[in-house]
Amino acid sequence: MARTQSTCGARTKHGGCCRRLAMVGASRCNLHRGDWATYTIERDRERERARARMRPKR
């Protein structure tokens, strides 16, 4: 079976490209993902929605 998962490709400290597999649904591996990653942004938005539901109405 052919591998369809892409590689990370982030720049390493030594100037090369990271050769780890990217996480599913992301363009970077777990070492190079950051707060800018799509799944992190979605998770943070969902967390904020949950907090807004828990806040008492004024």
N, C-alpha and C. Protein backbone atom coordinates (compact mmCIF):
# COMPACT_ATOMS: atom_id res chain seq x y z
N MET A 1 0.85 -1.18 0.00
CA MET A 1 0.00 0.00 0.00
C MET A 1 0.89 1.23 0.00
N ALA A 2 0.55 2.21 -0.77
CA ALA A 2 1.33 3.44 -0.86
C ALA A 2 1.04 4.35 0.33
N ARG A 3 2.07 5.03 0.77
CA ARG A 3 1.91 5.97 1.88
C ARG A 3 1.38 7.29 1.33
N THR A 4 0.28 7.77 1.88
CA THR A 4 -0.32 9.02 1.41
C THR A 4 -0.12 10.15 2.39
N GLN A 5 0.41 9.83 3.58
CA GLN A 5 0.63 10.86 4.59
C GLN A 5 1.89 11.64 4.22
N SER A 6 1.80 12.97 4.25
CA SER A 6 2.93 13.80 3.85
C SER A 6 3.95 13.93 4.97
N THR A 7 5.12 14.42 4.62
CA THR A 7 6.15 14.66 5.63
C THR A 7 6.02 16.10 6.14
N CYS A 8 6.63 16.36 7.28
CA CYS A 8 6.50 17.65 7.95
C CYS A 8 7.12 18.77 7.10
N GLY A 9 8.38 18.68 6.81
CA GLY A 9 9.04 19.68 5.96
C GLY A 9 9.45 20.96 6.66
N ALA A 10 9.25 21.06 7.98
CA ALA A 10 9.65 22.27 8.70
C ALA A 10 11.18 22.37 8.74
N ARG A 11 11.69 23.57 8.82
CA ARG A 11 13.13 23.77 8.90
C ARG A 11 13.63 23.39 10.30
N THR A 12 14.72 22.62 10.33
CA THR A 12 15.30 22.22 11.61
C THR A 12 16.36 23.22 12.03
N LYS A 13 16.92 23.04 13.23
CA LYS A 13 17.96 23.93 13.74
C LYS A 13 19.19 23.93 12.84
N HIS A 14 19.43 22.79 12.18
CA HIS A 14 20.61 22.66 11.34
C HIS A 14 20.36 23.09 9.89
N GLY A 15 19.16 23.58 9.61
CA GLY A 15 18.86 24.11 8.27
C GLY A 15 18.25 23.11 7.31
N GLY A 16 18.14 21.86 7.69
CA GLY A 16 17.54 20.86 6.83
C GLY A 16 16.03 20.82 7.00
N CYS A 17 15.40 19.90 6.30
CA CYS A 17 13.96 19.73 6.42
C CYS A 17 13.65 18.57 7.36
N CYS A 18 12.63 18.71 8.16
CA CYS A 18 12.18 17.64 9.04
C CYS A 18 11.61 16.52 8.18
N ARG A 19 11.98 15.30 8.49
CA ARG A 19 11.53 14.16 7.70
C ARG A 19 10.48 13.32 8.40
N ARG A 20 9.99 13.78 9.55
CA ARG A 20 8.94 13.06 10.26
C ARG A 20 7.63 13.18 9.50
N LEU A 21 6.73 12.23 9.74
CA LEU A 21 5.42 12.28 9.09
C LEU A 21 4.57 13.37 9.73
N ALA A 22 3.84 14.08 8.90
CA ALA A 22 2.93 15.12 9.40
C ALA A 22 1.76 14.45 10.09
N MET A 23 1.17 15.15 11.04
CA MET A 23 0.00 14.62 11.73
C MET A 23 -1.19 14.63 10.78
N VAL A 24 -2.12 13.72 11.00
CA VAL A 24 -3.30 13.61 10.14
C VAL A 24 -4.09 14.91 10.22
N GLY A 25 -4.39 15.48 9.08
CA GLY A 25 -5.15 16.72 9.03
C GLY A 25 -4.31 17.96 9.27
N ALA A 26 -2.99 17.82 9.25
CA ALA A 26 -2.11 18.96 9.49
C ALA A 26 -0.94 18.90 8.52
N SER A 27 -0.19 19.98 8.47
CA SER A 27 0.96 20.01 7.57
C SER A 27 2.27 19.81 8.30
N ARG A 28 2.23 19.71 9.63
CA ARG A 28 3.45 19.56 10.43
C ARG A 28 3.35 18.37 11.37
N CYS A 29 4.51 17.91 11.84
CA CYS A 29 4.57 16.81 12.79
C CYS A 29 4.27 17.33 14.20
N ASN A 30 4.21 16.44 15.17
CA ASN A 30 3.87 16.88 16.52
C ASN A 30 4.98 17.71 17.16
N LEU A 31 6.19 17.64 16.66
CA LEU A 31 7.28 18.45 17.20
C LEU A 31 7.24 19.88 16.67
N HIS A 32 6.74 20.06 15.46
CA HIS A 32 6.78 21.37 14.82
C HIS A 32 5.42 22.05 14.74
N ARG A 33 4.39 21.43 15.25
CA ARG A 33 3.10 22.09 15.26
C ARG A 33 3.13 23.20 16.30
N GLY A 34 2.37 24.22 16.10
CA GLY A 34 2.37 25.34 17.02
C GLY A 34 0.96 25.84 17.25
N ASP A 35 0.84 26.96 17.87
CA ASP A 35 -0.48 27.52 18.13
C ASP A 35 -1.15 28.00 16.85
N TRP A 36 -0.40 28.10 15.77
CA TRP A 36 -0.94 28.55 14.49
C TRP A 36 -1.60 27.42 13.73
N ALA A 37 -1.38 26.16 14.14
CA ALA A 37 -1.88 25.01 13.41
C ALA A 37 -3.41 25.01 13.37
N THR A 38 -3.97 24.54 12.28
CA THR A 38 -5.41 24.54 12.08
C THR A 38 -6.14 23.81 13.19
N TYR A 39 -5.66 22.61 13.55
CA TYR A 39 -6.37 21.85 14.57
C TYR A 39 -6.24 22.50 15.94
N THR A 40 -5.15 23.21 16.20
CA THR A 40 -4.99 23.91 17.48
C THR A 40 -5.94 25.10 17.53
N ILE A 41 -6.08 25.81 16.44
CA ILE A 41 -6.99 26.96 16.37
C ILE A 41 -8.42 26.50 16.59
N GLU A 42 -8.81 25.41 15.93
CA GLU A 42 -10.16 24.89 16.09
C GLU A 42 -10.42 24.45 17.52
N ARG A 43 -9.43 23.78 18.13
CA ARG A 43 -9.58 23.34 19.51
C ARG A 43 -9.74 24.53 20.44
N ASP A 44 -8.95 25.59 20.24
CA ASP A 44 -9.04 26.78 21.08
C ASP A 44 -10.39 27.48 20.91
N ARG A 45 -10.91 27.53 19.70
CA ARG A 45 -12.21 28.14 19.46
C ARG A 45 -13.31 27.37 20.18
N GLU A 46 -13.23 26.04 20.11
CA GLU A 46 -14.23 25.21 20.78
C GLU A 46 -14.14 25.39 22.30
N ARG A 47 -12.95 25.50 22.83
CA ARG A 47 -12.75 25.72 24.26
C ARG A 47 -13.34 27.07 24.67
N GLU A 48 -13.16 28.10 23.84
CA GLU A 48 -13.71 29.42 24.14
C GLU A 48 -15.24 29.40 24.08
N ARG A 49 -15.81 28.67 23.14
CA ARG A 49 -17.27 28.54 23.07
C ARG A 49 -17.81 27.87 24.33
N ALA A 50 -17.11 26.85 24.80
CA ALA A 50 -17.53 26.15 26.02
C ALA A 50 -17.47 27.09 27.22
N ARG A 51 -16.44 27.90 27.30
CA ARG A 51 -16.32 28.87 28.40
C ARG A 51 -17.44 29.89 28.34
N ALA A 52 -17.78 30.34 27.13
CA ALA A 52 -18.85 31.33 26.97
C ALA A 52 -20.19 30.76 27.41
N ARG A 53 -20.41 29.46 27.17
CA ARG A 53 -21.65 28.83 27.60
C ARG A 53 -21.72 28.71 29.12
N MET A 54 -20.57 28.58 29.76
CA MET A 54 -20.53 28.39 31.22
C MET A 54 -20.62 29.71 31.98
N ARG A 55 -20.28 30.83 31.31
CA ARG A 55 -20.31 32.13 31.98
C ARG A 55 -21.74 32.52 32.32
N PRO A 56 -21.94 33.09 33.50
CA PRO A 56 -23.29 33.56 33.84
C PRO A 56 -23.65 34.80 33.00
N LYS A 57 -24.90 34.88 32.64
CA LYS A 57 -25.37 36.05 31.87
C LYS A 57 -25.53 37.23 32.82
N ARG A 58 -25.24 38.41 32.32
CA ARG A 58 -25.38 39.62 33.15
C ARG A 58 -26.71 40.26 32.94
